[in-house]
Amino acid sequence: MTFEFFSATDTGRARSNNEDSVALDTGAQLAVLADGMGGYNAGEVASGMLTAFIKAELGRWLQEAGAQASDVEVRRAMDICVDNANRAIFNAANSNPQYAGMGTTLVLAVFREGRLLVGHVGDSRAYRFRGGKLVQITRDHSLLQEQIDAGLITPEQAAFSANKNLVTRAVGVEDTVLLETHQHELQPGDVYLMCSDGLSDMLDDAAIAQVLQMYDSIEAAGAALIDAANDAGGKDNIAVILVRVQGGTTPATRSWWPFRR
């Protein structure tokens, strides 16, 4: 199994600075995305610290551990790395008044043979696009999601809520953070989307799936997603990572691949 990676960020149409950050380590088959928050440029600092830290530390561990590392060991390494990054951001926020209260969301993915390990904090998301169907594989750590889970509002009402950007979990805000991790089976032809809420707030799942269905290359699909989010208002920074799973198929099974050929 091999993997094709794409990443990009965009300031959007309403913001003057970009607090989203992405990082890829294709050798370690690692993808990281963060959406920062905080006054001045503090959100930009937090998200940049987080993606750089995880790419450097977890990326190095994955390269050294190799395929012989168990999934339990990889998940443990993910937890330790995020915990260390959280402490670094928390300490920076508490030692510099300009960065007080800064934090960031996180979604990270480690691609292995036949499986994907995902970790996330906050409301940045991961999706799977398979056979023309888009499925969200992370669950937002947000007040809005808690209200939906409690039956207080419907998903349709949530789309118009004023509480969209209130997260219940973030990296760097407290001295500890809980990374939610889970595992998914990979199939050749799968495309995985990681994004900040600058994309998911502007485009619903049907619109995202429609864009992904239209393009052969993940580079073109990624650029089109950003353009579509901006066309819908571009109210926030936009971050996109796309990863396509390749290998292990034969021409007889290609009819269900998500991209037109």
C-alpha atoms as a PDB file:
ATOM      1  CA  MET A   1       0.000   0.000   0.000  1.00  0.00           C
ATOM      2  CA  THR A   2       1.266   3.463  -0.912  1.00  0.00           C
ATOM      3  CA  PHE A   3      -0.141   6.887  -0.086  1.00  0.00           C
ATOM      4  CA  GLU A   4      -0.438  10.125  -2.025  1.00  0.00           C
ATOM      5  CA  PHE A   5      -0.476  13.332   0.049  1.00  0.00           C
ATOM      6  CA  PHE A   6      -1.656  16.912  -0.521  1.00  0.00           C
ATOM      7  CA  SER A   7      -1.928  19.833   1.895  1.00  0.00           C
ATOM      8  CA  ALA A   8      -2.752  23.528   1.704  1.00  0.00           C
ATOM      9  CA  THR A   9      -3.989  26.411   3.812  1.00  0.00           C
ATOM     10  CA  ASP A  10      -5.730  29.629   2.824  1.00  0.00           C
ATOM     11  CA  THR A  11      -6.426  32.811   4.783  1.00  0.00           C
ATOM     12  CA  GLY A  12     -10.004  33.004   3.519  1.00  0.00           C
ATOM     13  CA  ARG A  13     -11.883  36.178   2.731  1.00  0.00           C
ATOM     14  CA  ALA A  14     -12.635  37.572   6.204  1.00  0.00           C
ATOM     15  CA  ARG A  15      -9.361  37.209   8.131  1.00  0.00           C
ATOM     16  CA  SER A  16      -6.094  39.099   7.744  1.00  0.00           C
ATOM     17  CA  ASN A  17      -3.878  36.397   9.260  1.00  0.00           C
ATOM     18  CA  ASN A  18      -3.812  32.607   9.019  1.00  0.00           C
ATOM     19  CA  GLU A  19      -4.081  30.628  12.253  1.00  0.00           C
ATOM     20  CA  ASP A  20      -4.371  27.249  10.497  1.00  0.00           C
ATOM     21  CA  SER A  21      -1.290  25.072  10.106  1.00  0.00           C
ATOM     22  CA  VAL A  22      -0.560  21.786   8.345  1.00  0.00           C
ATOM     23  CA  ALA A  23       2.451  19.462   8.254  1.00  0.00           C
ATOM     24  CA  LEU A  24       3.229  16.286   6.316  1.00  0.00           C
ATOM     25  CA  ASP A  25       5.961  13.699   6.801  1.00  0.00           C
ATOM     26  CA  THR A  26       5.464  11.407   3.832  1.00  0.00           C
ATOM     27  CA  GLY A  27       8.339   9.164   4.909  1.00  0.00           C
ATOM     28  CA  ALA A  28       6.584   8.477   8.200  1.00  0.00           C
ATOM     29  CA  GLN A  29       3.145   8.514   6.481  1.00  0.00           C
ATOM     30  CA  LEU A  30       2.069  11.189   8.952  1.00  0.00           C
ATOM     31  CA  ALA A  31      -0.331  14.095   8.441  1.00  0.00           C
ATOM     32  CA  VAL A  32      -1.054  16.849  10.987  1.00  0.00           C
ATOM     33  CA  LEU A  33      -3.546  19.747  10.929  1.00  0.00           C
ATOM     34  CA  ALA A  34      -4.221  22.416  13.558  1.00  0.00           C
ATOM     35  CA  ASP A  35      -6.521  25.432  13.882  1.00  0.00           C
ATOM     36  CA  GLY A  36      -5.217  27.950  16.399  1.00  0.00           C
ATOM     37  CA  MET A  37      -7.088  30.318  18.684  1.00  0.00           C
ATOM     38  CA  GLY A  38      -6.066  33.290  20.802  1.00  0.00           C
ATOM     39  CA  GLY A  39      -5.544  37.051  20.636  1.00  0.00           C
ATOM     40  CA  TYR A  40      -2.947  38.904  18.567  1.00  0.00           C
ATOM     41  CA  ASN A  41      -1.098  36.218  16.587  1.00  0.00           C
ATOM     42  CA  ALA A  42      -1.249  33.711  19.437  1.00  0.00           C
ATOM     43  CA  GLY A  43      -3.446  31.224  17.549  1.00  0.00           C
ATOM     44  CA  GLU A  44      -0.954  31.203  14.722  1.00  0.00           C
ATOM     45  CA  VAL A  45       1.837  30.551  17.221  1.00  0.00           C
ATOM     46  CA  ALA A  46      -0.033  27.686  18.902  1.00  0.00           C
ATOM     47  CA  SER A  47      -0.980  25.861  15.706  1.00  0.00           C
ATOM     48  CA  GLY A  48       2.488  26.322  14.234  1.00  0.00           C
ATOM     49  CA  MET A  49       4.152  25.020  17.393  1.00  0.00           C
ATOM     50  CA  LEU A  50       1.884  21.987  17.453  1.00  0.00           C
ATOM     51  CA  THR A  51       2.283  20.874  13.846  1.00  0.00           C
ATOM     52  CA  ALA A  52       6.050  21.429  13.895  1.00  0.00           C
ATOM     53  CA  PHE A  53       6.442  19.549  17.184  1.00  0.00           C
ATOM     54  CA  ILE A  54       4.399  16.533  16.088  1.00  0.00           C
ATOM     55  CA  LYS A  55       6.046  16.334  12.670  1.00  0.00           C
ATOM     56  CA  ALA A  56       9.505  16.433  14.268  1.00  0.00           C
ATOM     57  CA  GLU A  57       8.950  14.202  17.294  1.00  0.00           C
ATOM     58  CA  LEU A  58       6.322  11.710  16.165  1.00  0.00           C
ATOM     59  CA  GLY A  59       7.691  11.655  12.633  1.00  0.00           C
ATOM     60  CA  ARG A  60      11.149  10.727  13.905  1.00  0.00           C
ATOM     61  CA  TRP A  61       9.730   8.029  16.200  1.00  0.00           C
ATOM     62  CA  LEU A  62       7.673   6.495  13.380  1.00  0.00           C
ATOM     63  CA  GLN A  63      10.670   6.421  11.048  1.00  0.00           C
ATOM     64  CA  GLU A  64      12.852   4.782  13.687  1.00  0.00           C
ATOM     65  CA  ALA A  65      10.206   2.327  14.939  1.00  0.00           C
ATOM     66  CA  GLY A  66       9.234   1.219  11.457  1.00  0.00           C
ATOM     67  CA  ALA A  67       6.596  -1.312  10.498  1.00  0.00           C
ATOM     68  CA  GLN A  68       7.480  -3.594  13.401  1.00  0.00           C
ATOM     69  CA  ALA A  69       5.909  -1.182  15.906  1.00  0.00           C
ATOM     70  CA  SER A  70       2.487  -2.384  17.035  1.00  0.00           C
ATOM     71  CA  ASP A  71      -0.613  -0.223  16.714  1.00  0.00           C
ATOM     72  CA  VAL A  72      -0.742  -0.004  20.515  1.00  0.00           C
ATOM     73  CA  GLU A  73       2.802   1.371  20.529  1.00  0.00           C
ATOM     74  CA  VAL A  74       1.958   3.899  17.807  1.00  0.00           C
ATOM     75  CA  ARG A  75      -1.090   5.106  19.712  1.00  0.00           C
ATOM     76  CA  ARG A  76       1.014   5.399  22.850  1.00  0.00           C
ATOM     77  CA  ALA A  77       3.577   7.457  20.917  1.00  0.00           C
ATOM     78  CA  MET A  78       0.787   9.696  19.614  1.00  0.00           C
ATOM     79  CA  ASP A  79      -0.462  10.284  23.170  1.00  0.00           C
ATOM     80  CA  ILE A  80       3.008  11.068  24.525  1.00  0.00           C
ATOM     81  CA  CYS A  81       3.869  13.413  21.670  1.00  0.00           C
ATOM     82  CA  VAL A  82       0.618  15.372  21.954  1.00  0.00           C
ATOM     83  CA  ASP A  83       1.017  15.569  25.734  1.00  0.00           C
ATOM     84  CA  ASN A  84       4.537  16.986  25.344  1.00  0.00           C
ATOM     85  CA  ALA A  85       3.372  19.462  22.712  1.00  0.00           C
ATOM     86  CA  ASN A  86       0.461  20.496  24.932  1.00  0.00           C
ATOM     87  CA  ARG A  87       2.833  21.264  27.806  1.00  0.00           C
ATOM     88  CA  ALA A  88       5.132  23.273  25.538  1.00  0.00           C
ATOM     89  CA  ILE A  89       2.247  25.410  24.263  1.00  0.00           C
ATOM     90  CA  PHE A  90       0.719  25.770  27.745  1.00  0.00           C
ATOM     91  CA  ASN A  91       4.076  26.882  29.198  1.00  0.00           C
ATOM     92  CA  ALA A  92       4.634  29.359  26.353  1.00  0.00           C
ATOM     93  CA  ALA A  93       1.171  30.825  26.927  1.00  0.00           C
ATOM     94  CA  ASN A  94       1.825  31.227  30.644  1.00  0.00           C
ATOM     95  CA  SER A  95       5.292  32.733  30.286  1.00  0.00           C
ATOM     96  CA  ASN A  96       4.416  35.327  27.647  1.00  0.00           C
ATOM     97  CA  PRO A  97       1.463  37.686  28.310  1.00  0.00           C
ATOM     98  CA  GLN A  98       1.013  38.194  24.574  1.00  0.00           C
ATOM     99  CA  TYR A  99       0.211  34.496  24.185  1.00  0.00           C
ATOM    100  CA  ALA A 100      -2.074  34.156  27.228  1.00  0.00           C
ATOM    101  CA  GLY A 101      -4.961  31.798  26.607  1.00  0.00           C
ATOM    102  CA  MET A 102      -3.734  30.535  23.266  1.00  0.00           C
ATOM    103  CA  GLY A 103      -4.617  27.034  22.142  1.00  0.00           C
ATOM    104  CA  THR A 104      -5.308  24.966  19.067  1.00  0.00           C
ATOM    105  CA  THR A 105      -7.370  22.126  17.715  1.00  0.00           C
ATOM    106  CA  LEU A 106      -5.646  19.065  16.291  1.00  0.00           C
ATOM    107  CA  VAL A 107      -6.304  16.203  13.923  1.00  0.00           C
ATOM    108  CA  LEU A 108      -3.428  13.846  13.101  1.00  0.00           C
ATOM    109  CA  ALA A 109      -3.295  10.684  11.030  1.00  0.00           C
ATOM    110  CA  VAL A 110      -0.766   7.872  10.821  1.00  0.00           C
ATOM    111  CA  PHE A 111      -1.197   5.673   7.745  1.00  0.00           C
ATOM    112  CA  ARG A 112      -0.045   2.070   8.092  1.00  0.00           C
ATOM    113  CA  GLU A 113      -0.407  -1.047   5.974  1.00  0.00           C
ATOM    114  CA  GLY A 114      -4.139  -1.665   5.775  1.00  0.00           C
ATOM    115  CA  ARG A 115      -5.134   0.676   8.580  1.00  0.00           C
ATOM    116  CA  LEU A 116      -5.278   4.281   9.709  1.00  0.00           C
ATOM    117  CA  LEU A 117      -4.717   5.622  13.226  1.00  0.00           C
ATOM    118  CA  VAL A 118      -6.432   8.959  13.851  1.00  0.00           C
ATOM    119  CA  GLY A 119      -6.114  11.267  16.851  1.00  0.00           C
ATOM    120  CA  HIS A 120      -7.996  14.507  17.364  1.00  0.00           C
ATOM    121  CA  VAL A 121      -8.753  17.309  19.805  1.00  0.00           C
ATOM    122  CA  GLY A 122     -11.395  19.966  19.169  1.00  0.00           C
ATOM    123  CA  ASP A 123     -13.513  20.496  16.062  1.00  0.00           C
ATOM    124  CA  SER A 124     -11.050  19.996  13.221  1.00  0.00           C
ATOM    125  CA  ARG A 125     -12.227  16.934  11.342  1.00  0.00           C
ATOM    126  CA  ALA A 126     -11.266  13.825   9.407  1.00  0.00           C
ATOM    127  CA  TYR A 127     -13.473  12.288   6.709  1.00  0.00           C
ATOM    128  CA  ARG A 128     -13.305   9.137   4.572  1.00  0.00           C
ATOM    129  CA  PHE A 129     -14.403   9.282   0.921  1.00  0.00           C
ATOM    130  CA  ARG A 130     -15.074   5.773  -0.383  1.00  0.00           C
ATOM    131  CA  GLY A 131     -17.181   4.668  -3.313  1.00  0.00           C
ATOM    132  CA  GLY A 132     -18.577   8.145  -3.775  1.00  0.00           C
ATOM    133  CA  LYS A 133     -19.748   8.392  -0.147  1.00  0.00           C
ATOM    134  CA  LEU A 134     -18.309  10.814   2.416  1.00  0.00           C
ATOM    135  CA  VAL A 135     -18.282   9.798   6.098  1.00  0.00           C
ATOM    136  CA  GLN A 136     -17.012  11.897   9.007  1.00  0.00           C
ATOM    137  CA  ILE A 137     -14.734   9.654  11.079  1.00  0.00           C
ATOM    138  CA  THR A 138     -14.064  12.080  13.928  1.00  0.00           C
ATOM    139  CA  ARG A 139     -16.629  13.530  16.323  1.00  0.00           C
ATOM    140  CA  ASP A 140     -16.281  17.208  17.231  1.00  0.00           C
ATOM    141  CA  HIS A 141     -15.265  18.123  20.763  1.00  0.00           C
ATOM    142  CA  SER A 142     -17.614  21.105  20.813  1.00  0.00           C
ATOM    143  CA  LEU A 143     -20.546  22.540  22.726  1.00  0.00           C
ATOM    144  CA  LEU A 144     -22.652  22.184  19.603  1.00  0.00           C
ATOM    145  CA  GLN A 145     -21.907  18.457  19.303  1.00  0.00           C
ATOM    146  CA  GLU A 146     -22.750  17.961  22.981  1.00  0.00           C
ATOM    147  CA  GLN A 147     -26.100  19.699  22.430  1.00  0.00           C
ATOM    148  CA  ILE A 148     -26.788  17.452  19.429  1.00  0.00           C
ATOM    149  CA  ASP A 149     -25.827  14.329  21.400  1.00  0.00           C
ATOM    150  CA  ALA A 150     -28.130  15.402  24.246  1.00  0.00           C
ATOM    151  CA  GLY A 151     -31.027  15.900  21.847  1.00  0.00           C
ATOM    152  CA  LEU A 152     -31.276  19.603  22.633  1.00  0.00           C
ATOM    153  CA  ILE A 153     -30.931  20.614  18.984  1.00  0.00           C
ATOM    154  CA  THR A 154     -30.983  18.819  15.642  1.00  0.00           C
ATOM    155  CA  PRO A 155     -28.047  18.725  13.212  1.00  0.00           C
ATOM    156  CA  GLU A 156     -30.127  20.951  10.923  1.00  0.00           C
ATOM    157  CA  GLN A 157     -30.546  23.549  13.690  1.00  0.00           C
ATOM    158  CA  ALA A 158     -26.847  23.267  14.494  1.00  0.00           C
ATOM    159  CA  ALA A 159     -25.965  24.578  11.050  1.00  0.00           C
ATOM    160  CA  PHE A 160     -27.402  27.973  12.076  1.00  0.00           C
ATOM    161  CA  SER A 161     -26.229  28.028  15.696  1.00  0.00           C
ATOM    162  CA  ALA A 162     -24.241  30.911  17.158  1.00  0.00           C
ATOM    163  CA  ASN A 163     -22.198  28.380  19.175  1.00  0.00           C
ATOM    164  CA  LYS A 164     -20.372  26.835  16.225  1.00  0.00           C
ATOM    165  CA  ASN A 165     -16.860  27.731  17.318  1.00  0.00           C
ATOM    166  CA  LEU A 166     -17.049  26.843  21.027  1.00  0.00           C
ATOM    167  CA  VAL A 167     -14.784  23.833  21.511  1.00  0.00           C
ATOM    168  CA  THR A 168     -14.805  21.757  24.695  1.00  0.00           C
ATOM    169  CA  ARG A 169     -11.260  20.457  24.259  1.00  0.00           C
ATOM    170  CA  ALA A 170      -8.107  22.117  22.877  1.00  0.00           C
ATOM    171  CA  VAL A 171      -4.341  21.677  22.933  1.00  0.00           C
ATOM    172  CA  GLY A 172      -2.369  24.119  25.105  1.00  0.00           C
ATOM    173  CA  VAL A 173      -5.254  25.589  27.102  1.00  0.00           C
ATOM    174  CA  GLU A 174      -4.691  23.433  30.194  1.00  0.00           C
ATOM    175  CA  ASP A 175      -1.668  21.556  31.506  1.00  0.00           C
ATOM    176  CA  THR A 176      -3.119  18.245  30.313  1.00  0.00           C
ATOM    177  CA  VAL A 177      -5.152  17.281  27.252  1.00  0.00           C
ATOM    178  CA  LEU A 178      -6.983  14.112  26.245  1.00  0.00           C
ATOM    179  CA  LEU A 179      -6.287  12.941  22.695  1.00  0.00           C
ATOM    180  CA  GLU A 180      -9.120  10.848  21.274  1.00  0.00           C
ATOM    181  CA  THR A 181      -7.700   8.077  19.084  1.00  0.00           C
ATOM    182  CA  HIS A 182      -9.304   5.417  16.924  1.00  0.00           C
ATOM    183  CA  GLN A 183      -8.433   3.027  14.138  1.00  0.00           C
ATOM    184  CA  HIS A 184      -9.938   2.489  10.681  1.00  0.00           C
ATOM    185  CA  GLU A 185      -9.486  -0.093   7.952  1.00  0.00           C
ATOM    186  CA  LEU A 186      -8.003   1.214   4.716  1.00  0.00           C
ATOM    187  CA  GLN A 187      -9.082   0.160   1.246  1.00  0.00           C
ATOM    188  CA  PRO A 188      -7.296   0.999  -2.022  1.00  0.00           C
ATOM    189  CA  GLY A 189      -8.966   4.013  -3.593  1.00  0.00           C
ATOM    190  CA  ASP A 190      -9.967   5.564  -0.271  1.00  0.00           C
ATOM    191  CA  VAL A 191      -9.424   9.304   0.034  1.00  0.00           C
ATOM    192  CA  TYR A 192      -9.088  10.825   3.508  1.00  0.00           C
ATOM    193  CA  LEU A 193      -9.820  14.495   4.112  1.00  0.00           C
ATOM    194  CA  MET A 194      -8.581  16.392   7.163  1.00  0.00           C
ATOM    195  CA  CYS A 195      -9.813  19.955   7.515  1.00  0.00           C
ATOM    196  CA  SER A 196     -10.354  22.914   9.804  1.00  0.00           C
ATOM    197  CA  ASP A 197     -13.818  24.344  10.426  1.00  0.00           C
ATOM    198  CA  GLY A 198     -13.053  26.991   7.834  1.00  0.00           C
ATOM    199  CA  LEU A 199     -13.952  24.308   5.319  1.00  0.00           C
ATOM    200  CA  SER A 200     -16.608  22.286   7.176  1.00  0.00           C
ATOM    201  CA  ASP A 201     -18.540  25.390   8.301  1.00  0.00           C
ATOM    202  CA  MET A 202     -18.698  26.683   4.719  1.00  0.00           C
ATOM    203  CA  LEU A 203     -19.500  23.418   2.924  1.00  0.00           C
ATOM    204  CA  ASP A 204     -21.818  20.645   4.060  1.00  0.00           C
ATOM    205  CA  ASP A 205     -20.922  16.997   3.525  1.00  0.00           C
ATOM    206  CA  ALA A 206     -22.831  16.752   0.255  1.00  0.00           C
ATOM    207  CA  ALA A 207     -20.968  19.724  -1.202  1.00  0.00           C
ATOM    208  CA  ILE A 208     -17.595  18.324  -0.101  1.00  0.00           C
ATOM    209  CA  ALA A 209     -18.404  14.935  -1.635  1.00  0.00           C
ATOM    210  CA  GLN A 210     -19.485  16.573  -4.873  1.00  0.00           C
ATOM    211  CA  VAL A 211     -16.151  18.387  -5.183  1.00  0.00           C
ATOM    212  CA  LEU A 212     -14.150  15.236  -4.409  1.00  0.00           C
ATOM    213  CA  GLN A 213     -16.122  13.296  -7.024  1.00  0.00           C
ATOM    214  CA  MET A 214     -15.256  15.789  -9.753  1.00  0.00           C
ATOM    215  CA  TYR A 215     -11.463  15.583  -9.855  1.00  0.00           C
ATOM    216  CA  ASP A 216      -8.919  12.924 -10.774  1.00  0.00           C
ATOM    217  CA  SER A 217      -6.055  14.421  -8.780  1.00  0.00           C
ATOM    218  CA  ILE A 218      -6.072  15.205  -5.076  1.00  0.00           C
ATOM    219  CA  GLU A 219      -4.170  18.423  -5.842  1.00  0.00           C
ATOM    220  CA  ALA A 220      -7.022  19.652  -8.036  1.00  0.00           C
ATOM    221  CA  ALA A 221      -9.617  18.428  -5.537  1.00  0.00           C
ATOM    222  CA  GLY A 222      -7.873  20.207  -2.651  1.00  0.00           C
ATOM    223  CA  ALA A 223      -7.651  23.486  -4.540  1.00  0.00           C
ATOM    224  CA  ALA A 224     -11.301  23.190  -5.556  1.00  0.00           C
ATOM    225  CA  LEU A 225     -12.387  22.621  -1.945  1.00  0.00           C
ATOM    226  CA  ILE A 226     -10.609  25.808  -0.870  1.00  0.00           C
ATOM    227  CA  ASP A 227     -12.117  27.747  -3.766  1.00  0.00           C
ATOM    228  CA  ALA A 228     -15.587  26.460  -2.900  1.00  0.00           C
ATOM    229  CA  ALA A 229     -15.205  27.451   0.760  1.00  0.00           C
ATOM    230  CA  ASN A 230     -14.150  30.938  -0.281  1.00  0.00           C
ATOM    231  CA  ASP A 231     -17.009  31.168  -2.774  1.00  0.00           C
ATOM    232  CA  ALA A 232     -19.379  30.266   0.074  1.00  0.00           C
ATOM    233  CA  GLY A 233     -18.086  33.191   2.128  1.00  0.00           C
ATOM    234  CA  GLY A 234     -14.589  32.262   3.303  1.00  0.00           C
ATOM    235  CA  LYS A 235     -15.433  33.402   6.834  1.00  0.00           C
ATOM    236  CA  ASP A 236     -12.426  31.690   8.435  1.00  0.00           C
ATOM    237  CA  ASN A 237      -8.997  30.338   7.564  1.00  0.00           C
ATOM    238  CA  ILE A 238      -9.152  27.112   5.558  1.00  0.00           C
ATOM    239  CA  ALA A 239      -6.848  24.114   5.980  1.00  0.00           C
ATOM    240  CA  VAL A 240      -7.062  20.954   3.886  1.00  0.00           C
ATOM    241  CA  ILE A 241      -5.110  17.704   3.817  1.00  0.00           C
ATOM    242  CA  LEU A 242      -6.015  14.957   1.347  1.00  0.00           C
ATOM    243  CA  VAL A 243      -4.495  11.472   1.375  1.00  0.00           C
ATOM    244  CA  ARG A 244      -5.289   8.854  -1.252  1.00  0.00           C
ATOM    245  CA  VAL A 245      -4.650   5.165  -0.640  1.00  0.00           C
ATOM    246  CA  GLN A 246      -3.068   3.401  -3.590  1.00  0.00           C
ATOM    247  CA  GLY A 247      -2.029  -0.160  -4.388  1.00  0.00           C
ATOM    248  CA  GLY A 248      -3.522  -3.617  -4.227  1.00  0.00           C
ATOM    249  CA  THR A 249      -6.196  -3.126  -6.879  1.00  0.00           C
ATOM    250  CA  THR A 250      -6.781  -4.741 -10.225  1.00  0.00           C
ATOM    251  CA  PRO A 251      -8.614  -3.232 -13.219  1.00  0.00           C
ATOM    252  CA  ALA A 252     -11.632  -5.431 -12.393  1.00  0.00           C
ATOM    253  CA  THR A 253     -12.124  -3.682  -9.044  1.00  0.00           C
ATOM    254  CA  ARG A 254     -11.553  -0.121 -10.140  1.00  0.00           C
ATOM    255  CA  SER A 255     -15.207   0.585 -10.863  1.00  0.00           C
ATOM    256  CA  TRP A 256     -15.782   1.660  -7.235  1.00  0.00           C
ATOM    257  CA  TRP A 257     -12.818   4.049  -7.038  1.00  0.00           C
ATOM    258  CA  PRO A 258     -14.078   7.456  -5.934  1.00  0.00           C
ATOM    259  CA  PHE A 259     -12.338   9.489  -8.623  1.00  0.00           C
ATOM    260  CA  ARG A 260     -13.473   9.432 -12.212  1.00  0.00           C
ATOM    261  CA  ARG A 261     -10.887   8.087 -14.658  1.00  0.00           C
END
